[in-house]
Structure formats: structure tokens, C-alpha cells
Amino acid sequence: MLPFATRSRVLPLVAASALLLAGCGGSDGASDVGSDRQAVAAFYPLAWVTERVAGDDWEVTNLTQPGGEPHDLELGITQTADLDEADVVVFEHEFQPAVDEAIDNVSDAVVVDAAEAVELRTFEEQHADDEHASEEEHSEGDGHDHGASDPHFWQDPLLMADLADAVADGLAEVDPDGAAAYRGNAEALRTELEALDDDFSEVLASCERDTVVVSHEAFGYLERYGLHFEGIAGLSPDAEPTPAVLAELEDLIADEGITTVFSERLASPAMAESLASDTGVETAVLDPIEGPGEGDDASDYVALMQQNLAALQRANGC
């Protein structure tokens, strides 16, 4: 795992209403500073990890409001102010251009870059044996430049654990007296995420089908469980697939006996529904978990991942 990134700058930003996500990990032993400590996370998975590691002694703000598509985030006055007041900022370089630009102006904050804290997959690795899903085919209409790496690392629970370690280090730099508590919270979270990883490995070990058609390329990190994902769109859920890509997907669905085309929660299901209708298969939701969900488990990453696991199990006959 690469070390977290820190830097000093002075930034012009401030955040949307603070999003209290899942239950926070305990932070016994951390400095008694109440909500004087401010952490800002760029979008939901980063905010969830930050809350779990920071515990109750920090106020954690999510720049991306519930229901918002993080790829398309534009920072307003509130987000700019939140960033300006932050002690720690957690973001992912090249995932949200507006945040990248703001981070360049940040000062007096410890900056944790998820792209440096975890080992990102490259698209060359992801599509080494897949001519259909080449980056060139899917780039048309995708206005978001994510570089050569797949940014959706939070689909891998073990990489989320690596991020937790980096966040703990960042929090400890600001609050050395709380270092043991933060690192203890990260260790406890790693144990929980390793159990989630075990669940995925066990359930997906033997499936009737191993090819999954999804709305956009957000699930490549799940391929280490033996599945193969084909995206209708590219990196952006708003990208328009070419007629050639749609024709190849129709052939793939027929050849592989695929039963389900997956849409997602924060983007229009129109493309997935159209493809499913044209091929006579079902539709279901596979959540990229780029934002919190709805209902009792709305803010719990582990619960959302378990919902995805159940959907994959049903669709692939596992």
C-alpha cells in the first residue's frame, strides 16, 4: 500500500450539509476535541471510511449530497467553505475534476488521496482479454477523464481497508494524541471488511454464469471473484454506447445465456431497460455505491455490498 498524501495549501471551498453516514467506530483514547476537528470527504465511500475511522470526536462532511452523481459534482459556496475549514480532506485524484481543482488550492489541511493510498487497477489489466470493452469504444460521449486507472476501488473491500489505514494516519497527523484510537478503529474496520471479502469469495465461487452486463464500468474490481463485467456505457453512466457496442452486447447475452441486465440507482435505467427489452431478459439494480442508499441500511457500505452480492448470486445462479 502506498502512503497517504499530505500537503499544505489554502483552499477556496466549503461543503454541502454534513452527511452522517453509518455507525461510527469507537474512538476511545482520542483527543477530547468534540466537533472542533473537521474532516471533509469527496464522496460516499470515502466519507463512510472516514467516519468509521474518526469516531465521534470528528465532524465528517460529504461534499457529494445524497442522490447526487459524484462524477458530476460541482462545488458551491458551501462546499468551498467546508474545504477551507477542514483539518483533513479525503478525496480521489482524477475521479472528480472539480475536487481536484479545489485540492490544488488547499492549505492547512492534511490531504489523503485514495488514489495513492490504494493500488488502483489499470484498464489495460481489466480488459486485457476483452476487445469489446476497450477504452476507445467506450470513450465516446464520456466527458470525464479518469486517466489510465479504474477509480472504483471501493468495490473491493480489502482496498477499502487499505484506505482506512491511510485515513487513520492522516487523522493522527492532525491529532497525535488520538493516533492509537484511529489506528485501532482502522484495524477493527479491516476485520469487518475481510469478513465481507470472504462472503463474496464464498458465494461467487461457483456460478452457472460468470458474465455480467452492467450500465457503466464501475465493477471491474469485482472481477477478482471470478466474474467478468461488460459495461453498456463507459466510465461515466451518462456516456452513450455506439450501435456496434450494443450489437455485441446483444450477441453476448444470447451466447452466454445471461438472464439480467443491471441498471444502477443514481443514473437513468433507460439504456439497461432498452437492452433488456431488446434481448428478452430481466433488469435488476447493481449499485456502484457511489452514494448512500435508501432505507434502514442507507448509510452502511457493508449492507449495500451485501445487497449487491445477493443480486449477483440471483442473476448468475451461484
C-alpha atoms as a PDB file:
ATOM      1  CA  MET A   1       0.000   0.000   0.000  1.00  0.00           C
ATOM      2  CA  LEU A   2       1.332   3.419  -0.853  1.00  0.00           C
ATOM      3  CA  PRO A   3       1.445   6.056   1.883  1.00  0.00           C
ATOM      4  CA  PHE A   4      -1.237   8.699   2.243  1.00  0.00           C
ATOM      5  CA  ALA A   5      -0.550  12.063   0.678  1.00  0.00           C
ATOM      6  CA  THR A   6      -0.329  15.223   2.746  1.00  0.00           C
ATOM      7  CA  ARG A   7       0.208  18.761   1.698  1.00  0.00           C
ATOM      8  CA  SER A   8      -0.338  22.339   2.766  1.00  0.00           C
ATOM      9  CA  ARG A   9      -2.203  24.960   0.736  1.00  0.00           C
ATOM     10  CA  VAL A  10      -5.003  27.437   1.080  1.00  0.00           C
ATOM     11  CA  LEU A  11      -8.210  26.490  -0.498  1.00  0.00           C
ATOM     12  CA  PRO A  12     -11.264  28.260  -1.674  1.00  0.00           C
ATOM     13  CA  LEU A  13     -14.055  25.804  -0.755  1.00  0.00           C
ATOM     14  CA  VAL A  14     -16.902  24.654   1.546  1.00  0.00           C
ATOM     15  CA  ALA A  15     -19.285  21.816   1.901  1.00  0.00           C
ATOM     16  CA  ALA A  16     -22.768  20.599   1.436  1.00  0.00           C
ATOM     17  CA  SER A  17     -24.695  19.649   4.523  1.00  0.00           C
ATOM     18  CA  ALA A  18     -22.832  17.231   6.690  1.00  0.00           C
ATOM     19  CA  LEU A  19     -23.845  13.685   5.874  1.00  0.00           C
ATOM     20  CA  LEU A  20     -23.794  11.413   8.892  1.00  0.00           C
ATOM     21  CA  LEU A  21     -23.321   8.007   7.388  1.00  0.00           C
ATOM     22  CA  ALA A  22     -23.011   4.649   9.052  1.00  0.00           C
ATOM     23  CA  GLY A  23     -22.428   3.892  12.691  1.00  0.00           C
ATOM     24  CA  CYS A  24     -19.089   5.288  13.692  1.00  0.00           C
ATOM     25  CA  GLY A  25     -16.343   3.118  15.086  1.00  0.00           C
ATOM     26  CA  GLY A  26     -15.425   3.726  18.680  1.00  0.00           C
ATOM     27  CA  SER A  27     -12.623   6.170  19.319  1.00  0.00           C
ATOM     28  CA  ASP A  28     -11.735   5.713  22.975  1.00  0.00           C
ATOM     29  CA  GLY A  29      -8.428   7.385  23.668  1.00  0.00           C
ATOM     30  CA  ALA A  30      -8.759  10.076  21.019  1.00  0.00           C
ATOM     31  CA  SER A  31      -8.298  13.690  21.996  1.00  0.00           C
ATOM     32  CA  ASP A  32     -11.287  15.276  23.696  1.00  0.00           C
ATOM     33  CA  VAL A  33     -11.909  17.833  20.977  1.00  0.00           C
ATOM     34  CA  GLY A  34     -15.586  17.273  20.220  1.00  0.00           C
ATOM     35  CA  SER A  35     -16.596  18.521  16.783  1.00  0.00           C
ATOM     36  CA  ASP A  36     -13.709  21.019  16.626  1.00  0.00           C
ATOM     37  CA  ARG A  37     -11.976  18.543  14.320  1.00  0.00           C
ATOM     38  CA  GLN A  38     -13.334  18.795  10.794  1.00  0.00           C
ATOM     39  CA  ALA A  39     -12.848  16.181   8.072  1.00  0.00           C
ATOM     40  CA  VAL A  40     -14.188  16.513   4.531  1.00  0.00           C
ATOM     41  CA  ALA A  41     -14.619  13.538   2.198  1.00  0.00           C
ATOM     42  CA  ALA A  42     -15.313  13.952  -1.503  1.00  0.00           C
ATOM     43  CA  PHE A  43     -17.990  11.252  -1.905  1.00  0.00           C
ATOM     44  CA  TYR A  44     -19.783   8.459  -0.070  1.00  0.00           C
ATOM     45  CA  PRO A  45     -17.324   5.525   0.204  1.00  0.00           C
ATOM     46  CA  LEU A  46     -14.579   7.891   1.356  1.00  0.00           C
ATOM     47  CA  ALA A  47     -16.922   9.530   3.849  1.00  0.00           C
ATOM     48  CA  TRP A  48     -18.029   6.152   5.212  1.00  0.00           C
ATOM     49  CA  VAL A  49     -14.456   5.057   5.855  1.00  0.00           C
ATOM     50  CA  THR A  50     -13.550   8.417   7.365  1.00  0.00           C
ATOM     51  CA  GLU A  51     -16.478   8.310   9.785  1.00  0.00           C
ATOM     52  CA  ARG A  52     -15.709   4.775  10.848  1.00  0.00           C
ATOM     53  CA  VAL A  53     -12.050   5.565  11.499  1.00  0.00           C
ATOM     54  CA  ALA A  54     -12.520   9.020  13.036  1.00  0.00           C
ATOM     55  CA  GLY A  55     -15.212   8.073  15.513  1.00  0.00           C
ATOM     56  CA  ASP A  56     -17.391  10.533  17.397  1.00  0.00           C
ATOM     57  CA  ASP A  57     -14.723  13.166  18.031  1.00  0.00           C
ATOM     58  CA  TRP A  58     -14.725  14.388  14.427  1.00  0.00           C
ATOM     59  CA  GLU A  59     -17.355  16.011  12.261  1.00  0.00           C
ATOM     60  CA  VAL A  60     -17.217  14.417   8.812  1.00  0.00           C
ATOM     61  CA  THR A  61     -18.764  16.207   5.828  1.00  0.00           C
ATOM     62  CA  ASN A  62     -19.506  14.589   2.469  1.00  0.00           C
ATOM     63  CA  LEU A  63     -19.081  17.003  -0.460  1.00  0.00           C
ATOM     64  CA  THR A  64     -21.499  14.985  -2.618  1.00  0.00           C
ATOM     65  CA  GLN A  65     -25.071  15.310  -1.410  1.00  0.00           C
ATOM     66  CA  PRO A  66     -27.364  12.250  -1.188  1.00  0.00           C
ATOM     67  CA  GLY A  67     -28.783  11.448  -4.612  1.00  0.00           C
ATOM     68  CA  GLY A  68     -26.004  13.331  -6.379  1.00  0.00           C
ATOM     69  CA  GLU A  69     -23.845  11.697  -9.045  1.00  0.00           C
ATOM     70  CA  PRO A  70     -20.266  12.153  -7.764  1.00  0.00           C
ATOM     71  CA  HIS A  71     -18.742  12.180 -11.254  1.00  0.00           C
ATOM     72  CA  ASP A  72     -20.685  15.370 -11.981  1.00  0.00           C
ATOM     73  CA  LEU A  73     -20.049  17.205  -8.707  1.00  0.00           C
ATOM     74  CA  GLU A  74     -19.717  20.973  -8.989  1.00  0.00           C
ATOM     75  CA  LEU A  75     -18.586  22.769  -5.859  1.00  0.00           C
ATOM     76  CA  GLY A  76     -20.712  25.598  -4.498  1.00  0.00           C
ATOM     77  CA  ILE A  77     -20.015  28.191  -1.849  1.00  0.00           C
ATOM     78  CA  THR A  78     -20.910  25.799   0.969  1.00  0.00           C
ATOM     79  CA  GLN A  79     -18.585  23.041  -0.229  1.00  0.00           C
ATOM     80  CA  THR A  80     -15.803  25.566  -0.736  1.00  0.00           C
ATOM     81  CA  ALA A  81     -16.173  26.832   2.817  1.00  0.00           C
ATOM     82  CA  ASP A  82     -16.174  23.319   4.272  1.00  0.00           C
ATOM     83  CA  LEU A  83     -12.933  22.523   2.486  1.00  0.00           C
ATOM     84  CA  ASP A  84     -11.434  25.774   3.709  1.00  0.00           C
ATOM     85  CA  GLU A  85     -12.221  24.843   7.316  1.00  0.00           C
ATOM     86  CA  ALA A  86     -11.162  21.194   7.092  1.00  0.00           C
ATOM     87  CA  ASP A  87      -8.343  19.693   9.125  1.00  0.00           C
ATOM     88  CA  VAL A  88      -8.312  16.571   6.919  1.00  0.00           C
ATOM     89  CA  VAL A  89      -9.544  16.166   3.338  1.00  0.00           C
ATOM     90  CA  VAL A  90     -10.073  12.719   1.790  1.00  0.00           C
ATOM     91  CA  PHE A  91     -10.506  12.615  -1.999  1.00  0.00           C
ATOM     92  CA  GLU A  92      -9.557  10.550  -5.049  1.00  0.00           C
ATOM     93  CA  HIS A  93      -7.405  12.207  -7.678  1.00  0.00           C
ATOM     94  CA  GLU A  94      -8.884  12.168 -11.214  1.00  0.00           C
ATOM     95  CA  PHE A  95     -12.347  10.994 -10.112  1.00  0.00           C
ATOM     96  CA  GLN A  96     -13.977  14.406  -9.592  1.00  0.00           C
ATOM     97  CA  PRO A  97     -12.360  17.209 -11.612  1.00  0.00           C
ATOM     98  CA  ALA A  98     -13.933  19.971  -9.513  1.00  0.00           C
ATOM     99  CA  VAL A  99     -12.473  18.496  -6.342  1.00  0.00           C
ATOM    100  CA  ASP A 100      -9.056  18.040  -7.951  1.00  0.00           C
ATOM    101  CA  GLU A 101      -9.017  21.727  -8.833  1.00  0.00           C
ATOM    102  CA  ALA A 102     -10.030  22.711  -5.315  1.00  0.00           C
ATOM    103  CA  ILE A 103      -7.420  20.463  -3.705  1.00  0.00           C
ATOM    104  CA  ASP A 104      -4.724  22.302  -5.637  1.00  0.00           C
ATOM    105  CA  ASN A 105      -5.605  25.353  -3.539  1.00  0.00           C
ATOM    106  CA  VAL A 106      -5.894  23.630  -0.156  1.00  0.00           C
ATOM    107  CA  SER A 107      -3.664  24.684   2.664  1.00  0.00           C
ATOM    108  CA  ASP A 108      -3.535  23.966   6.370  1.00  0.00           C
ATOM    109  CA  ALA A 109      -5.172  20.574   5.852  1.00  0.00           C
ATOM    110  CA  VAL A 110      -3.820  17.066   5.708  1.00  0.00           C
ATOM    111  CA  VAL A 111      -4.849  15.637   2.344  1.00  0.00           C
ATOM    112  CA  VAL A 112      -5.426  11.905   1.954  1.00  0.00           C
ATOM    113  CA  ASP A 113      -5.547  10.859  -1.705  1.00  0.00           C
ATOM    114  CA  ALA A 114      -7.244   7.489  -2.128  1.00  0.00           C
ATOM    115  CA  ALA A 115      -5.524   7.097  -5.498  1.00  0.00           C
ATOM    116  CA  GLU A 116      -2.198   6.995  -3.637  1.00  0.00           C
ATOM    117  CA  ALA A 117      -3.440   5.070  -0.608  1.00  0.00           C
ATOM    118  CA  VAL A 118      -4.684   2.035  -2.560  1.00  0.00           C
ATOM    119  CA  GLU A 119      -3.427   0.102  -5.572  1.00  0.00           C
ATOM    120  CA  LEU A 120      -5.719   1.044  -8.447  1.00  0.00           C
ATOM    121  CA  ARG A 121      -6.312  -1.320 -11.371  1.00  0.00           C
ATOM    122  CA  THR A 122      -5.480  -0.127 -14.837  1.00  0.00           C
ATOM    123  CA  PHE A 123      -7.967  -0.538 -17.652  1.00  0.00           C
ATOM    124  CA  GLU A 124      -5.297  -2.384 -19.586  1.00  0.00           C
ATOM    125  CA  GLU A 125      -5.354  -5.032 -16.837  1.00  0.00           C
ATOM    126  CA  GLN A 126      -9.125  -5.038 -16.679  1.00  0.00           C
ATOM    127  CA  HIS A 127      -9.643  -5.509 -20.412  1.00  0.00           C
ATOM    128  CA  ALA A 128      -6.527  -7.460 -21.321  1.00  0.00           C
ATOM    129  CA  ASP A 129      -8.603 -10.286 -22.787  1.00  0.00           C
ATOM    130  CA  ASP A 130     -11.643  -8.251 -23.786  1.00  0.00           C
ATOM    131  CA  GLU A 131     -11.577  -6.431 -27.098  1.00  0.00           C
ATOM    132  CA  HIS A 132     -15.247  -5.465 -26.774  1.00  0.00           C
ATOM    133  CA  ALA A 133     -14.758  -3.278 -23.711  1.00  0.00           C
ATOM    134  CA  SER A 134     -11.788  -1.324 -24.969  1.00  0.00           C
ATOM    135  CA  GLU A 135     -11.432   2.172 -23.626  1.00  0.00           C
ATOM    136  CA  GLU A 136     -11.638   3.582 -27.154  1.00  0.00           C
ATOM    137  CA  GLU A 137     -15.068   2.070 -27.798  1.00  0.00           C
ATOM    138  CA  HIS A 138     -16.484   3.358 -24.547  1.00  0.00           C
ATOM    139  CA  SER A 139     -14.933   6.796 -24.520  1.00  0.00           C
ATOM    140  CA  GLU A 140     -17.418   8.388 -26.922  1.00  0.00           C
ATOM    141  CA  GLY A 141     -19.632  10.785 -25.018  1.00  0.00           C
ATOM    142  CA  ASP A 142     -17.688  10.362 -21.773  1.00  0.00           C
ATOM    143  CA  GLY A 143     -16.658  13.820 -20.665  1.00  0.00           C
ATOM    144  CA  HIS A 144     -14.800  12.566 -17.611  1.00  0.00           C
ATOM    145  CA  ASP A 145     -11.096  11.879 -17.849  1.00  0.00           C
ATOM    146  CA  HIS A 146     -10.110   9.312 -15.235  1.00  0.00           C
ATOM    147  CA  GLY A 147      -6.692   8.621 -16.717  1.00  0.00           C
ATOM    148  CA  ALA A 148      -5.467   5.067 -17.171  1.00  0.00           C
ATOM    149  CA  SER A 149      -6.722   3.697 -13.832  1.00  0.00           C
ATOM    150  CA  ASP A 150     -10.143   2.451 -12.783  1.00  0.00           C
ATOM    151  CA  PRO A 151     -11.173   4.725  -9.884  1.00  0.00           C
ATOM    152  CA  HIS A 152     -13.959   2.483  -8.499  1.00  0.00           C
ATOM    153  CA  PHE A 153     -11.702   0.743  -5.959  1.00  0.00           C
ATOM    154  CA  TRP A 154     -14.382   0.682  -3.230  1.00  0.00           C
ATOM    155  CA  GLN A 155     -15.928  -2.339  -4.932  1.00  0.00           C
ATOM    156  CA  ASP A 156     -13.015  -4.247  -3.353  1.00  0.00           C
ATOM    157  CA  PRO A 157     -13.470  -4.452   0.442  1.00  0.00           C
ATOM    158  CA  LEU A 158      -9.766  -5.065   1.006  1.00  0.00           C
ATOM    159  CA  LEU A 159      -8.859  -1.824  -0.765  1.00  0.00           C
ATOM    160  CA  MET A 160     -11.349  -0.024   1.459  1.00  0.00           C
ATOM    161  CA  ALA A 161      -9.385  -1.437   4.396  1.00  0.00           C
ATOM    162  CA  ASP A 162      -6.192  -0.010   2.908  1.00  0.00           C
ATOM    163  CA  LEU A 163      -7.885   3.375   2.647  1.00  0.00           C
ATOM    164  CA  ALA A 164      -8.886   3.122   6.309  1.00  0.00           C
ATOM    165  CA  ASP A 165      -5.224   2.737   7.272  1.00  0.00           C
ATOM    166  CA  ALA A 166      -4.313   5.849   5.268  1.00  0.00           C
ATOM    167  CA  VAL A 167      -7.170   7.837   6.807  1.00  0.00           C
ATOM    168  CA  ALA A 168      -6.024   6.788  10.278  1.00  0.00           C
ATOM    169  CA  ASP A 169      -2.543   8.090   9.502  1.00  0.00           C
ATOM    170  CA  GLY A 170      -3.979  11.373   8.233  1.00  0.00           C
ATOM    171  CA  LEU A 171      -6.141  11.871  11.307  1.00  0.00           C
ATOM    172  CA  ALA A 172      -3.197  11.016  13.548  1.00  0.00           C
ATOM    173  CA  GLU A 173      -1.075  13.687  11.884  1.00  0.00           C
ATOM    174  CA  VAL A 174      -3.627  16.290  12.941  1.00  0.00           C
ATOM    175  CA  ASP A 175      -4.348  14.708  16.337  1.00  0.00           C
ATOM    176  CA  PRO A 176      -1.328  12.675  17.536  1.00  0.00           C
ATOM    177  CA  ASP A 177      -2.976  12.010  20.901  1.00  0.00           C
ATOM    178  CA  GLY A 178      -5.736  10.111  19.127  1.00  0.00           C
ATOM    179  CA  ALA A 179      -3.428   8.067  16.895  1.00  0.00           C
ATOM    180  CA  ALA A 180      -3.867   4.795  18.769  1.00  0.00           C
ATOM    181  CA  ALA A 181      -7.655   5.123  18.671  1.00  0.00           C
ATOM    182  CA  TYR A 182      -7.735   5.908  14.961  1.00  0.00           C
ATOM    183  CA  ARG A 183      -5.465   3.019  14.091  1.00  0.00           C
ATOM    184  CA  GLY A 184      -7.483   0.733  16.337  1.00  0.00           C
ATOM    185  CA  ASN A 185     -10.659   1.776  14.541  1.00  0.00           C
ATOM    186  CA  ALA A 186      -8.989   1.094  11.193  1.00  0.00           C
ATOM    187  CA  GLU A 187      -7.886  -2.341  12.370  1.00  0.00           C
ATOM    188  CA  ALA A 188     -11.409  -3.191  13.544  1.00  0.00           C
ATOM    189  CA  LEU A 189     -12.800  -2.000  10.226  1.00  0.00           C
ATOM    190  CA  ARG A 190     -10.300  -4.150   8.339  1.00  0.00           C
ATOM    191  CA  THR A 191     -11.587  -7.204  10.211  1.00  0.00           C
ATOM    192  CA  GLU A 192     -15.154  -6.356   9.170  1.00  0.00           C
ATOM    193  CA  LEU A 193     -14.137  -5.782   5.556  1.00  0.00           C
ATOM    194  CA  GLU A 194     -12.143  -9.012   5.415  1.00  0.00           C
ATOM    195  CA  ALA A 195     -15.293 -10.854   6.508  1.00  0.00           C
ATOM    196  CA  LEU A 196     -17.187  -9.153   3.670  1.00  0.00           C
ATOM    197  CA  ASP A 197     -14.463 -10.213   1.246  1.00  0.00           C
ATOM    198  CA  ASP A 198     -14.821 -13.796   2.490  1.00  0.00           C
ATOM    199  CA  ASP A 199     -18.577 -13.648   1.826  1.00  0.00           C
ATOM    200  CA  PHE A 200     -18.014 -12.559  -1.778  1.00  0.00           C
ATOM    201  CA  SER A 201     -15.379 -15.231  -2.338  1.00  0.00           C
ATOM    202  CA  GLU A 202     -17.577 -17.990  -0.930  1.00  0.00           C
ATOM    203  CA  VAL A 203     -20.857 -17.045  -2.631  1.00  0.00           C
ATOM    204  CA  LEU A 204     -19.337 -16.350  -6.062  1.00  0.00           C
ATOM    205  CA  ALA A 205     -17.016 -19.356  -6.074  1.00  0.00           C
ATOM    206  CA  SER A 206     -19.302 -21.480  -8.247  1.00  0.00           C
ATOM    207  CA  CYS A 207     -21.802 -19.761 -10.531  1.00  0.00           C
ATOM    208  CA  GLU A 208     -23.658 -21.045 -13.584  1.00  0.00           C
ATOM    209  CA  ARG A 209     -22.706 -17.855 -15.437  1.00  0.00           C
ATOM    210  CA  ASP A 210     -19.750 -15.566 -14.927  1.00  0.00           C
ATOM    211  CA  THR A 211     -20.517 -12.670 -17.303  1.00  0.00           C
ATOM    212  CA  VAL A 212     -22.462  -9.669 -16.010  1.00  0.00           C
ATOM    213  CA  VAL A 213     -23.857  -6.803 -18.114  1.00  0.00           C
ATOM    214  CA  VAL A 214     -23.984  -3.504 -16.223  1.00  0.00           C
ATOM    215  CA  SER A 215     -24.810   0.118 -17.006  1.00  0.00           C
ATOM    216  CA  HIS A 216     -21.297   1.518 -16.791  1.00  0.00           C
ATOM    217  CA  GLU A 217     -17.773   0.430 -15.982  1.00  0.00           C
ATOM    218  CA  ALA A 218     -17.886   0.617 -12.203  1.00  0.00           C
ATOM    219  CA  PHE A 219     -17.465  -3.020 -11.184  1.00  0.00           C
ATOM    220  CA  GLY A 220     -14.090  -4.118 -12.527  1.00  0.00           C
ATOM    221  CA  TYR A 221     -12.678  -4.677  -9.051  1.00  0.00           C
ATOM    222  CA  LEU A 222     -15.215  -7.459  -8.509  1.00  0.00           C
ATOM    223  CA  GLU A 223     -13.588  -9.461 -11.292  1.00  0.00           C
ATOM    224  CA  ARG A 224     -11.130 -10.950  -8.819  1.00  0.00           C
ATOM    225  CA  TYR A 225     -14.070 -13.025  -7.536  1.00  0.00           C
ATOM    226  CA  GLY A 226     -14.254 -14.807 -10.884  1.00  0.00           C
ATOM    227  CA  LEU A 227     -16.826 -12.635 -12.645  1.00  0.00           C
ATOM    228  CA  HIS A 228     -16.468 -10.658 -15.863  1.00  0.00           C
ATOM    229  CA  PHE A 229     -18.275  -7.340 -16.324  1.00  0.00           C
ATOM    230  CA  GLU A 230     -19.400  -5.725 -19.572  1.00  0.00           C
ATOM    231  CA  GLY A 231     -20.485  -2.084 -19.371  1.00  0.00           C
ATOM    232  CA  ILE A 232     -23.098  -0.584 -21.679  1.00  0.00           C
ATOM    233  CA  ALA A 233     -21.584   2.862 -21.204  1.00  0.00           C
ATOM    234  CA  GLY A 234     -18.024   3.839 -20.381  1.00  0.00           C
ATOM    235  CA  LEU A 235     -16.683   5.271 -17.159  1.00  0.00           C
ATOM    236  CA  SER A 236     -19.500   7.783 -16.999  1.00  0.00           C
ATOM    237  CA  PRO A 237     -23.042   6.442 -16.554  1.00  0.00           C
ATOM    238  CA  ASP A 238     -24.157   9.200 -18.936  1.00  0.00           C
ATOM    239  CA  ALA A 239     -21.941   8.065 -21.826  1.00  0.00           C
ATOM    240  CA  GLU A 240     -23.722   6.891 -24.978  1.00  0.00           C
ATOM    241  CA  PRO A 241     -22.735   3.445 -26.308  1.00  0.00           C
ATOM    242  CA  THR A 242     -22.152   3.027 -30.012  1.00  0.00           C
ATOM    243  CA  PRO A 243     -24.510   0.847 -32.092  1.00  0.00           C
ATOM    244  CA  ALA A 244     -21.645  -1.621 -32.521  1.00  0.00           C
ATOM    245  CA  VAL A 245     -21.254  -1.987 -28.753  1.00  0.00           C
ATOM    246  CA  LEU A 246     -24.998  -2.562 -28.318  1.00  0.00           C
ATOM    247  CA  ALA A 247     -24.988  -5.194 -31.069  1.00  0.00           C
ATOM    248  CA  GLU A 248     -22.078  -7.016 -29.434  1.00  0.00           C
ATOM    249  CA  LEU A 249     -23.840  -6.936 -26.074  1.00  0.00           C
ATOM    250  CA  GLU A 250     -26.989  -8.419 -27.614  1.00  0.00           C
ATOM    251  CA  ASP A 251     -24.914 -11.251 -29.073  1.00  0.00           C
ATOM    252  CA  LEU A 252     -23.132 -11.750 -25.753  1.00  0.00           C
ATOM    253  CA  ILE A 253     -26.401 -12.005 -23.824  1.00  0.00           C
ATOM    254  CA  ALA A 254     -27.671 -14.650 -26.240  1.00  0.00           C
ATOM    255  CA  ASP A 255     -24.418 -16.619 -26.391  1.00  0.00           C
ATOM    256  CA  GLU A 256     -23.774 -16.636 -22.630  1.00  0.00           C
ATOM    257  CA  GLY A 257     -27.361 -17.209 -21.524  1.00  0.00           C
ATOM    258  CA  ILE A 258     -27.306 -14.020 -19.466  1.00  0.00           C
ATOM    259  CA  THR A 259     -30.582 -13.537 -17.601  1.00  0.00           C
ATOM    260  CA  THR A 260     -30.241  -9.999 -16.266  1.00  0.00           C
ATOM    261  CA  VAL A 261     -29.084  -6.563 -17.384  1.00  0.00           C
ATOM    262  CA  PHE A 262     -28.202  -4.373 -14.424  1.00  0.00           C
ATOM    263  CA  SER A 263     -29.048  -0.714 -14.061  1.00  0.00           C
ATOM    264  CA  GLU A 264     -27.969   1.435 -11.116  1.00  0.00           C
ATOM    265  CA  ARG A 265     -29.546   3.673  -8.555  1.00  0.00           C
ATOM    266  CA  LEU A 266     -28.103   7.136  -9.248  1.00  0.00           C
ATOM    267  CA  ALA A 267     -28.315   7.054 -13.053  1.00  0.00           C
ATOM    268  CA  SER A 268     -31.106   6.634 -15.580  1.00  0.00           C
ATOM    269  CA  PRO A 269     -32.045   2.979 -16.170  1.00  0.00           C
ATOM    270  CA  ALA A 270     -33.105   3.723 -19.755  1.00  0.00           C
ATOM    271  CA  MET A 271     -30.151   2.097 -21.547  1.00  0.00           C
ATOM    272  CA  ALA A 272     -30.273  -1.044 -19.403  1.00  0.00           C
ATOM    273  CA  GLU A 273     -34.040  -1.344 -19.765  1.00  0.00           C
ATOM    274  CA  SER A 274     -33.837  -0.897 -23.529  1.00  0.00           C
ATOM    275  CA  LEU A 275     -31.146  -3.556 -23.900  1.00  0.00           C
ATOM    276  CA  ALA A 276     -33.043  -5.949 -21.640  1.00  0.00           C
ATOM    277  CA  SER A 277     -36.247  -5.393 -23.599  1.00  0.00           C
ATOM    278  CA  ASP A 278     -34.495  -5.984 -26.916  1.00  0.00           C
ATOM    279  CA  THR A 279     -32.991  -9.250 -25.670  1.00  0.00           C
ATOM    280  CA  GLY A 280     -35.923 -10.520 -23.604  1.00  0.00           C
ATOM    281  CA  VAL A 281     -34.110 -10.646 -20.260  1.00  0.00           C
ATOM    282  CA  GLU A 282     -34.798  -9.153 -16.847  1.00  0.00           C
ATOM    283  CA  THR A 283     -33.485  -5.962 -15.285  1.00  0.00           C
ATOM    284  CA  ALA A 284     -32.225  -5.508 -11.745  1.00  0.00           C
ATOM    285  CA  VAL A 285     -30.186  -2.965  -9.799  1.00  0.00           C
ATOM    286  CA  LEU A 286     -26.472  -3.363  -9.093  1.00  0.00           C
ATOM    287  CA  ASP A 287     -25.359  -0.400  -7.026  1.00  0.00           C
ATOM    288  CA  PRO A 288     -21.970   1.198  -7.796  1.00  0.00           C
ATOM    289  CA  ILE A 289     -22.183   2.546  -4.214  1.00  0.00           C
ATOM    290  CA  GLU A 290     -21.045   5.977  -5.282  1.00  0.00           C
ATOM    291  CA  GLY A 291     -23.665   7.465  -2.942  1.00  0.00           C
ATOM    292  CA  PRO A 292     -25.668   6.287   0.078  1.00  0.00           C
ATOM    293  CA  GLY A 293     -28.704   4.097  -0.465  1.00  0.00           C
ATOM    294  CA  GLU A 294     -32.252   4.274   0.804  1.00  0.00           C
ATOM    295  CA  GLY A 295     -33.976   2.662   3.768  1.00  0.00           C
ATOM    296  CA  ASP A 296     -32.645   1.296   7.034  1.00  0.00           C
ATOM    297  CA  ASP A 297     -29.240   0.387   5.601  1.00  0.00           C
ATOM    298  CA  ALA A 298     -28.916   3.569   3.550  1.00  0.00           C
ATOM    299  CA  SER A 299     -25.611   4.637   5.030  1.00  0.00           C
ATOM    300  CA  ASP A 300     -23.879   1.312   5.571  1.00  0.00           C
ATOM    301  CA  TYR A 301     -21.375   0.320   2.912  1.00  0.00           C
ATOM    302  CA  VAL A 302     -21.252  -3.302   4.092  1.00  0.00           C
ATOM    303  CA  ALA A 303     -25.035  -3.668   3.857  1.00  0.00           C
ATOM    304  CA  LEU A 304     -25.042  -2.144   0.362  1.00  0.00           C
ATOM    305  CA  MET A 305     -22.300  -4.533  -0.734  1.00  0.00           C
ATOM    306  CA  GLN A 306     -24.287  -7.463   0.661  1.00  0.00           C
ATOM    307  CA  GLN A 307     -27.283  -6.328  -1.395  1.00  0.00           C
ATOM    308  CA  ASN A 308     -25.081  -6.347  -4.496  1.00  0.00           C
ATOM    309  CA  LEU A 309     -23.816  -9.806  -3.619  1.00  0.00           C
ATOM    310  CA  ALA A 310     -27.373 -11.118  -3.354  1.00  0.00           C
ATOM    311  CA  ALA A 311     -28.233  -9.571  -6.741  1.00  0.00           C
ATOM    312  CA  LEU A 312     -25.194 -11.165  -8.392  1.00  0.00           C
ATOM    313  CA  GLN A 313     -25.988 -14.512  -6.794  1.00  0.00           C
ATOM    314  CA  ARG A 314     -29.525 -14.492  -8.203  1.00  0.00           C
ATOM    315  CA  ALA A 315     -28.545 -13.310 -11.675  1.00  0.00           C
ATOM    316  CA  ASN A 316     -25.639 -15.701 -12.121  1.00  0.00           C
ATOM    317  CA  GLY A 317     -27.037 -18.838 -10.497  1.00  0.00           C
ATOM    318  CA  CYS A 318     -24.448 -19.008  -7.728  1.00  0.00           C
END
